N, C-alpha and C. Protein backbone atom coordinates (compact mmCIF):
# COMPACT_ATOMS: atom_id res chain seq x y z
N MET A 1 0.83 -1.18 0.00
CA MET A 1 0.00 0.00 0.00
C MET A 1 0.88 1.26 0.00
N ILE A 2 1.79 1.36 0.95
CA ILE A 2 2.69 2.50 0.99
C ILE A 2 3.62 2.47 -0.21
N LEU A 3 4.11 1.27 -0.54
CA LEU A 3 5.02 1.13 -1.68
C LEU A 3 4.33 1.54 -2.98
N GLU A 4 3.07 1.16 -3.15
CA GLU A 4 2.33 1.55 -4.34
C GLU A 4 2.21 3.06 -4.44
N GLN A 5 1.95 3.72 -3.31
CA GLN A 5 1.83 5.16 -3.31
C GLN A 5 3.16 5.83 -3.65
N ILE A 6 4.25 5.29 -3.13
CA ILE A 6 5.57 5.84 -3.41
C ILE A 6 5.87 5.72 -4.90
N ILE A 7 5.61 4.56 -5.48
CA ILE A 7 5.87 4.35 -6.91
C ILE A 7 5.01 5.27 -7.76
N GLU A 8 3.72 5.35 -7.44
CA GLU A 8 2.81 6.20 -8.21
C GLU A 8 3.17 7.67 -8.06
N ASN A 9 3.48 8.10 -6.86
CA ASN A 9 3.80 9.50 -6.64
C ASN A 9 5.16 9.89 -7.20
N LYS A 10 6.04 8.93 -7.40
CA LYS A 10 7.33 9.21 -8.02
C LYS A 10 7.09 9.75 -9.44
N LYS A 11 6.11 9.17 -10.12
CA LYS A 11 5.78 9.63 -11.47
C LYS A 11 5.13 11.01 -11.41
N ASN A 12 4.20 11.20 -10.49
CA ASN A 12 3.47 12.46 -10.38
C ASN A 12 4.34 13.57 -9.81
N TYR A 13 5.33 13.24 -9.01
CA TYR A 13 6.17 14.24 -8.37
C TYR A 13 6.92 15.08 -9.40
N LYS A 14 7.31 14.47 -10.50
CA LYS A 14 8.02 15.20 -11.54
C LYS A 14 7.15 16.31 -12.12
N LEU A 15 5.84 16.11 -12.13
CA LEU A 15 4.93 17.12 -12.65
C LEU A 15 4.70 18.26 -11.67
N ASP A 16 4.80 17.99 -10.39
CA ASP A 16 4.47 18.96 -9.35
C ASP A 16 5.66 19.13 -8.40
N LYS A 17 6.58 20.03 -8.72
CA LYS A 17 7.81 20.21 -7.94
C LYS A 17 7.55 20.87 -6.59
N SER A 18 6.35 21.44 -6.36
CA SER A 18 6.08 22.06 -5.07
C SER A 18 5.65 21.03 -4.03
N SER A 19 5.40 19.80 -4.47
CA SER A 19 5.03 18.73 -3.54
C SER A 19 6.27 18.15 -2.89
N GLU A 20 6.04 17.48 -1.80
CA GLU A 20 7.12 16.81 -1.11
C GLU A 20 7.17 15.36 -1.57
N ASN A 21 8.34 14.89 -1.90
CA ASN A 21 8.53 13.52 -2.34
C ASN A 21 8.14 12.56 -1.21
N PRO A 22 7.40 11.48 -1.53
CA PRO A 22 7.00 10.52 -0.48
C PRO A 22 8.17 9.93 0.30
N ILE A 23 9.32 9.75 -0.33
CA ILE A 23 10.49 9.21 0.38
C ILE A 23 10.91 10.18 1.47
N ARG A 24 10.84 11.48 1.17
CA ARG A 24 11.17 12.50 2.18
C ARG A 24 10.21 12.38 3.36
N SER A 25 8.94 12.16 3.08
CA SER A 25 7.95 11.98 4.15
C SER A 25 8.28 10.75 5.01
N VAL A 26 8.72 9.69 4.38
CA VAL A 26 9.09 8.48 5.12
C VAL A 26 10.28 8.77 6.03
N LEU A 27 11.30 9.43 5.51
CA LEU A 27 12.49 9.73 6.32
C LEU A 27 12.17 10.69 7.46
N LYS A 28 11.30 11.67 7.20
CA LYS A 28 10.88 12.58 8.26
C LYS A 28 10.11 11.83 9.34
N SER A 29 9.26 10.92 8.93
CA SER A 29 8.48 10.17 9.92
C SER A 29 9.39 9.29 10.79
N ILE A 30 10.41 8.69 10.19
CA ILE A 30 11.33 7.84 10.96
C ILE A 30 12.12 8.67 11.97
N SER A 31 12.68 9.80 11.53
CA SER A 31 13.48 10.61 12.44
C SER A 31 12.62 11.19 13.57
N TRP A 32 11.42 11.62 13.25
CA TRP A 32 10.53 12.16 14.28
C TRP A 32 10.11 11.07 15.25
N ARG A 33 9.84 9.88 14.76
CA ARG A 33 9.40 8.79 15.64
C ARG A 33 10.51 8.34 16.58
N VAL A 34 11.75 8.38 16.16
CA VAL A 34 12.84 8.03 17.06
C VAL A 34 12.82 8.97 18.27
N ILE A 35 12.69 10.26 18.01
CA ILE A 35 12.62 11.25 19.09
C ILE A 35 11.38 11.01 19.95
N GLY A 36 10.23 10.84 19.30
CA GLY A 36 8.98 10.63 20.02
C GLY A 36 8.97 9.34 20.84
N THR A 37 9.58 8.30 20.31
CA THR A 37 9.60 7.02 21.02
C THR A 37 10.50 7.08 22.25
N ILE A 38 11.62 7.76 22.13
CA ILE A 38 12.48 7.94 23.31
C ILE A 38 11.71 8.68 24.40
N ASP A 39 10.97 9.70 24.01
CA ASP A 39 10.14 10.44 24.96
C ASP A 39 9.09 9.53 25.60
N THR A 40 8.40 8.74 24.79
CA THR A 40 7.37 7.83 25.31
C THR A 40 7.97 6.80 26.27
N ILE A 41 9.12 6.25 25.92
CA ILE A 41 9.76 5.27 26.80
C ILE A 41 10.12 5.90 28.14
N LEU A 42 10.69 7.10 28.10
CA LEU A 42 11.05 7.77 29.35
C LEU A 42 9.83 8.07 30.22
N ILE A 43 8.77 8.59 29.61
CA ILE A 43 7.54 8.88 30.37
C ILE A 43 6.94 7.60 30.93
N SER A 44 6.89 6.54 30.11
CA SER A 44 6.34 5.26 30.57
C SER A 44 7.15 4.69 31.72
N TRP A 45 8.46 4.84 31.66
CA TRP A 45 9.34 4.34 32.71
C TRP A 45 9.11 5.10 34.01
N ILE A 46 8.97 6.43 33.89
CA ILE A 46 8.72 7.26 35.08
C ILE A 46 7.38 6.88 35.72
N ILE A 47 6.36 6.68 34.90
CA ILE A 47 5.02 6.38 35.42
C ILE A 47 4.92 4.97 35.98
N THR A 48 5.45 3.98 35.24
CA THR A 48 5.29 2.58 35.66
C THR A 48 6.42 2.11 36.56
N GLY A 49 7.59 2.70 36.41
CA GLY A 49 8.75 2.24 37.17
C GLY A 49 9.34 0.96 36.63
N GLU A 50 8.85 0.50 35.49
CA GLU A 50 9.32 -0.75 34.88
C GLU A 50 9.85 -0.49 33.48
N ILE A 51 11.12 -0.74 33.30
CA ILE A 51 11.75 -0.48 32.01
C ILE A 51 11.22 -1.40 30.91
N THR A 52 10.90 -2.67 31.24
CA THR A 52 10.39 -3.58 30.20
C THR A 52 9.02 -3.13 29.71
N THR A 53 8.18 -2.67 30.62
CA THR A 53 6.86 -2.14 30.22
C THR A 53 7.05 -0.89 29.37
N ALA A 54 7.97 -0.04 29.77
CA ALA A 54 8.24 1.19 29.02
C ALA A 54 8.68 0.88 27.59
N PHE A 55 9.56 -0.11 27.43
CA PHE A 55 10.01 -0.48 26.08
C PHE A 55 8.89 -1.14 25.28
N SER A 56 8.02 -1.89 25.92
CA SER A 56 6.88 -2.49 25.24
C SER A 56 5.95 -1.40 24.69
N ILE A 57 5.63 -0.45 25.53
CA ILE A 57 4.78 0.66 25.10
C ILE A 57 5.46 1.43 23.96
N GLY A 58 6.75 1.72 24.13
CA GLY A 58 7.50 2.47 23.12
C GLY A 58 7.58 1.77 21.78
N SER A 59 7.73 0.45 21.79
CA SER A 59 7.86 -0.27 20.52
C SER A 59 6.54 -0.31 19.75
N ILE A 60 5.44 -0.45 20.45
CA ILE A 60 4.13 -0.43 19.79
C ILE A 60 3.86 0.96 19.23
N GLU A 61 4.13 1.96 20.04
CA GLU A 61 3.91 3.35 19.65
C GLU A 61 4.78 3.75 18.46
N LEU A 62 5.98 3.23 18.39
CA LEU A 62 6.89 3.54 17.29
C LEU A 62 6.26 3.21 15.94
N VAL A 63 5.75 2.02 15.82
CA VAL A 63 5.19 1.55 14.55
C VAL A 63 3.88 2.27 14.21
N THR A 64 2.96 2.33 15.16
CA THR A 64 1.65 2.91 14.86
C THR A 64 1.74 4.39 14.51
N LYS A 65 2.53 5.14 15.24
CA LYS A 65 2.62 6.58 14.97
C LYS A 65 3.41 6.91 13.72
N MET A 66 4.35 6.05 13.34
CA MET A 66 5.08 6.27 12.10
C MET A 66 4.13 6.12 10.90
N VAL A 67 3.31 5.11 10.93
CA VAL A 67 2.34 4.90 9.84
C VAL A 67 1.33 6.05 9.80
N LEU A 68 0.82 6.44 10.96
CA LEU A 68 -0.13 7.56 11.02
C LEU A 68 0.49 8.86 10.50
N PHE A 69 1.74 9.12 10.88
CA PHE A 69 2.41 10.33 10.44
C PHE A 69 2.60 10.35 8.93
N PHE A 70 2.98 9.22 8.35
CA PHE A 70 3.18 9.15 6.89
C PHE A 70 1.90 9.56 6.16
N PHE A 71 0.77 8.97 6.55
CA PHE A 71 -0.48 9.30 5.88
C PHE A 71 -0.93 10.72 6.18
N HIS A 72 -0.67 11.19 7.38
CA HIS A 72 -0.97 12.58 7.73
C HIS A 72 -0.20 13.53 6.82
N GLU A 73 1.07 13.27 6.59
CA GLU A 73 1.89 14.09 5.69
C GLU A 73 1.37 14.05 4.26
N ARG A 74 0.99 12.87 3.80
CA ARG A 74 0.51 12.75 2.42
C ARG A 74 -0.80 13.50 2.22
N VAL A 75 -1.69 13.45 3.20
CA VAL A 75 -2.95 14.20 3.11
C VAL A 75 -2.66 15.70 3.09
N TRP A 76 -1.82 16.18 4.00
CA TRP A 76 -1.50 17.61 4.05
C TRP A 76 -0.77 18.06 2.79
N ASN A 77 -0.04 17.18 2.16
CA ASN A 77 0.65 17.55 0.92
C ASN A 77 -0.33 17.84 -0.21
N LYS A 78 -1.51 17.27 -0.14
CA LYS A 78 -2.53 17.49 -1.17
C LYS A 78 -3.34 18.77 -0.92
N ILE A 79 -3.25 19.33 0.27
CA ILE A 79 -3.99 20.54 0.60
C ILE A 79 -3.20 21.75 0.13
N LYS A 80 -3.82 22.57 -0.71
CA LYS A 80 -3.12 23.70 -1.32
C LYS A 80 -3.00 24.90 -0.37
N TRP A 81 -3.84 24.97 0.64
CA TRP A 81 -3.84 26.11 1.55
C TRP A 81 -2.47 26.28 2.21
N GLY A 82 -1.95 27.49 2.17
CA GLY A 82 -0.68 27.79 2.83
C GLY A 82 0.57 27.49 2.01
N LYS A 83 0.40 26.96 0.81
CA LYS A 83 1.55 26.69 -0.05
C LYS A 83 1.73 27.83 -1.03
N LYS A 84 2.96 28.06 -1.42
CA LYS A 84 3.23 29.05 -2.47
C LYS A 84 3.29 28.32 -3.80
N TRP A 85 2.50 28.74 -4.73
CA TRP A 85 2.45 28.12 -6.05
C TRP A 85 3.01 29.09 -7.06
N ASP A 86 3.88 28.60 -7.93
CA ASP A 86 4.47 29.46 -8.97
C ASP A 86 3.49 29.76 -10.07
């Protein structure tokens, strides 16, 4: 599903240079999730006092929020409001 979108948008991206390439969105989501997951693990550890529980919560959150962020970026990329168009 994500791979199909990346392949399809690679073709369309050449036509619309003001859009963000899907690969860039993937890399942004990964880097942001690393930061967010470290935060979640630390908060979970402080609240539960258990490092294994904290890592369990962090690992689930890592995957789900990365997928959500990717689609969130792709939807916002289609919204013209706030973009400068040549």
